[in-house]
C-alpha atoms as a PDB file:
ATOM      1  CA  MET A   1       4.975  12.624 -42.383  1.00  0.00           C
ATOM      2  CA  ARG A   2       3.939  16.136 -43.196  1.00  0.00           C
ATOM      3  CA  PRO A   3       5.313  19.038 -41.128  1.00  0.00           C
ATOM      4  CA  ALA A   4       1.854  19.762 -39.707  1.00  0.00           C
ATOM      5  CA  ASP A   5       1.641  16.199 -38.353  1.00  0.00           C
ATOM      6  CA  GLN A   6       5.001  16.547 -36.619  1.00  0.00           C
ATOM      7  CA  THR A   7       3.918  19.567 -34.568  1.00  0.00           C
ATOM      8  CA  GLN A   8       0.801  17.890 -33.165  1.00  0.00           C
ATOM      9  CA  PRO A   9       2.554  15.619 -30.599  1.00  0.00           C
ATOM     10  CA  THR A  10       4.611  18.581 -29.459  1.00  0.00           C
ATOM     11  CA  ARG A  11       1.452  20.559 -28.725  1.00  0.00           C
ATOM     12  CA  ARG A  12      -0.039  17.631 -26.855  1.00  0.00           C
ATOM     13  CA  VAL A  13       3.111  17.163 -24.800  1.00  0.00           C
ATOM     14  CA  ARG A  14       3.184  20.851 -23.918  1.00  0.00           C
ATOM     15  CA  LEU A  15      -0.458  20.670 -22.877  1.00  0.00           C
ATOM     16  CA  VAL A  16       0.229  17.639 -20.686  1.00  0.00           C
ATOM     17  CA  GLN A  17       3.255  19.412 -19.185  1.00  0.00           C
ATOM     18  CA  ARG A  18       1.122  22.447 -18.349  1.00  0.00           C
ATOM     19  CA  VAL A  19      -1.642  20.306 -16.852  1.00  0.00           C
ATOM     20  CA  GLY A  20       0.903  18.415 -14.754  1.00  0.00           C
ATOM     21  CA  GLY A  21       2.475  21.670 -13.604  1.00  0.00           C
ATOM     22  CA  ALA A  22      -0.913  23.114 -12.722  1.00  0.00           C
ATOM     23  CA  LEU A  23      -1.824  19.995 -10.733  1.00  0.00           C
ATOM     24  CA  ALA A  24       1.496  20.112  -8.898  1.00  0.00           C
ATOM     25  CA  LEU A  25       1.053  23.805  -8.128  1.00  0.00           C
ATOM     26  CA  LEU A  26      -2.491  23.270  -6.894  1.00  0.00           C
ATOM     27  CA  GLY A  27      -1.409  20.306  -4.787  1.00  0.00           C
ATOM     28  CA  GLY A  28       1.514  22.267  -3.341  1.00  0.00           C
ATOM     29  CA  LEU A  29      -0.665  25.223  -2.395  1.00  0.00           C
ATOM     30  CA  ALA A  30      -3.308  22.980  -0.853  1.00  0.00           C
ATOM     31  CA  THR A  31      -0.625  21.084   1.085  1.00  0.00           C
ATOM     32  CA  PHE A  32       0.738  24.357   2.434  1.00  0.00           C
ATOM     33  CA  VAL A  33      -2.733  25.462   3.525  1.00  0.00           C
ATOM     34  CA  PHE A  34      -3.512  22.127   5.209  1.00  0.00           C
ATOM     35  CA  VAL A  35      -0.187  22.158   7.057  1.00  0.00           C
ATOM     36  CA  TRP A  36      -0.640  25.778   8.124  1.00  0.00           C
ATOM     37  CA  GLN A  37      -4.331  25.313   9.113  1.00  0.00           C
ATOM     38  CA  PRO A  38      -5.302  28.997   9.372  1.00  0.00           C
ATOM     39  CA  TRP A  39      -8.860  28.092  10.457  1.00  0.00           C
ATOM     40  CA  ASP A  40      -7.781  26.033  13.482  1.00  0.00           C
ATOM     41  CA  SER A  41      -6.970  27.075  17.046  1.00  0.00           C
ATOM     42  CA  CYS A  42      -6.103  25.068  20.133  1.00  0.00           C
ATOM     43  CA  ASP A  43      -5.406  25.725  23.819  1.00  0.00           C
ATOM     44  CA  TYR A  44      -2.048  23.947  23.999  1.00  0.00           C
ATOM     45  CA  GLU A  45      -0.314  25.726  21.077  1.00  0.00           C
ATOM     46  CA  ASP A  46       0.271  29.372  20.172  1.00  0.00           C
ATOM     47  CA  SER A  47       0.172  28.897  16.401  1.00  0.00           C
ATOM     48  CA  SER A  48      -2.483  27.098  14.399  1.00  0.00           C
ATOM     49  CA  ALA A  49       0.173  25.041  12.584  1.00  0.00           C
ATOM     50  CA  GLY A  50       1.002  23.270  15.867  1.00  0.00           C
ATOM     51  CA  CYS A  51      -2.531  22.026  16.471  1.00  0.00           C
ATOM     52  CA  ARG A  52      -3.293  18.363  15.959  1.00  0.00           C
ATOM     53  CA  PRO A  53      -5.157  17.894  12.664  1.00  0.00           C
ATOM     54  CA  GLY A  54      -8.600  16.372  12.642  1.00  0.00           C
ATOM     55  CA  ALA A  55      -9.883  13.706  10.285  1.00  0.00           C
ATOM     56  CA  VAL A  56     -10.903  16.235   7.633  1.00  0.00           C
ATOM     57  CA  GLU A  57      -7.523  17.965   7.751  1.00  0.00           C
ATOM     58  CA  ARG A  58      -5.655  14.653   7.499  1.00  0.00           C
ATOM     59  CA  THR A  59      -7.766  13.597   4.534  1.00  0.00           C
ATOM     60  CA  GLY A  60      -7.230  16.949   2.847  1.00  0.00           C
ATOM     61  CA  LEU A  61      -3.491  16.814   3.494  1.00  0.00           C
ATOM     62  CA  VAL A  62      -3.126  13.311   2.063  1.00  0.00           C
ATOM     63  CA  THR A  63      -5.259  14.229  -0.947  1.00  0.00           C
ATOM     64  CA  SER A  64      -3.270  17.386  -1.637  1.00  0.00           C
ATOM     65  CA  LEU A  65       0.024  15.500  -1.292  1.00  0.00           C
ATOM     66  CA  LEU A  66      -1.205  12.881  -3.766  1.00  0.00           C
ATOM     67  CA  LEU A  67      -2.279  15.647  -6.145  1.00  0.00           C
ATOM     68  CA  LEU A  68       1.163  17.232  -5.844  1.00  0.00           C
ATOM     69  CA  LEU A  69       2.857  13.893  -6.512  1.00  0.00           C
ATOM     70  CA  ALA A  70       0.592  13.068  -9.462  1.00  0.00           C
ATOM     71  CA  GLY A  71       1.192  16.489 -11.014  1.00  0.00           C
ATOM     72  CA  LEU A  72       4.946  16.111 -10.670  1.00  0.00           C
ATOM     73  CA  VAL A  73       4.887  12.632 -12.211  1.00  0.00           C
ATOM     74  CA  VAL A  74       2.749  13.794 -15.149  1.00  0.00           C
ATOM     75  CA  ALA A  75       4.968  16.815 -15.803  1.00  0.00           C
ATOM     76  CA  ILE A  76       8.196  14.788 -15.572  1.00  0.00           C
ATOM     77  CA  VAL A  77       6.914  11.981 -17.813  1.00  0.00           C
ATOM     78  CA  ALA A  78       5.718  14.509 -20.404  1.00  0.00           C
ATOM     79  CA  THR A  79       9.116  16.213 -20.322  1.00  0.00           C
ATOM     80  CA  VAL A  80      10.927  12.894 -20.815  1.00  0.00           C
ATOM     81  CA  VAL A  81       8.614  11.972 -23.689  1.00  0.00           C
ATOM     82  CA  ALA A  82       9.226  15.359 -25.308  1.00  0.00           C
ATOM     83  CA  ALA A  83      12.992  14.964 -24.960  1.00  0.00           C
ATOM     84  CA  ARG A  84      12.928  11.482 -26.493  1.00  0.00           C
ATOM     85  CA  ALA A  85      10.705  12.624 -29.358  1.00  0.00           C
ATOM     86  CA  GLN A  86      13.012  15.525 -30.051  1.00  0.00           C
ATOM     87  CA  ARG A  87      16.069  13.234 -30.136  1.00  0.00           C
ATOM     88  CA  ALA A  88      14.267  10.721 -32.366  1.00  0.00           C
ATOM     89  CA  SER A  89      13.035  13.288 -34.893  1.00  0.00           C
ATOM     90  CA  PRO A  90      15.159  13.611 -38.009  1.00  0.00           C
ATOM     91  CA  ARG A  91      17.312  16.699 -38.143  1.00  0.00           C
ATOM     92  CA  PRO A  92      17.542  18.724 -41.330  1.00  0.00           C
ATOM     93  CA  ARG A  93      20.817  18.343 -43.212  1.00  0.00           C
ATOM     94  CA  ARG A  94      23.024  21.361 -43.677  1.00  0.00           C
END
């Protein structure tokens, strides 16, 4: 294998790690917003976070939690793949 071919999987893994991190960050922020519910108000609670969520809020919360989980799984799998590839690559002799 040529040196240029060896760097290509590393770039792909880094890209997948970044995409997974971005998905996890987006999912985490959306989860926070859906739990906090700044647009909601109710008579029985002082803060909007204590109000019972409606169907749209529940759907958004579940979706954002799944996005967070998927992003974490993608980032962790890419990190494990990168670590295994690094251990499997031949090291230069001294």
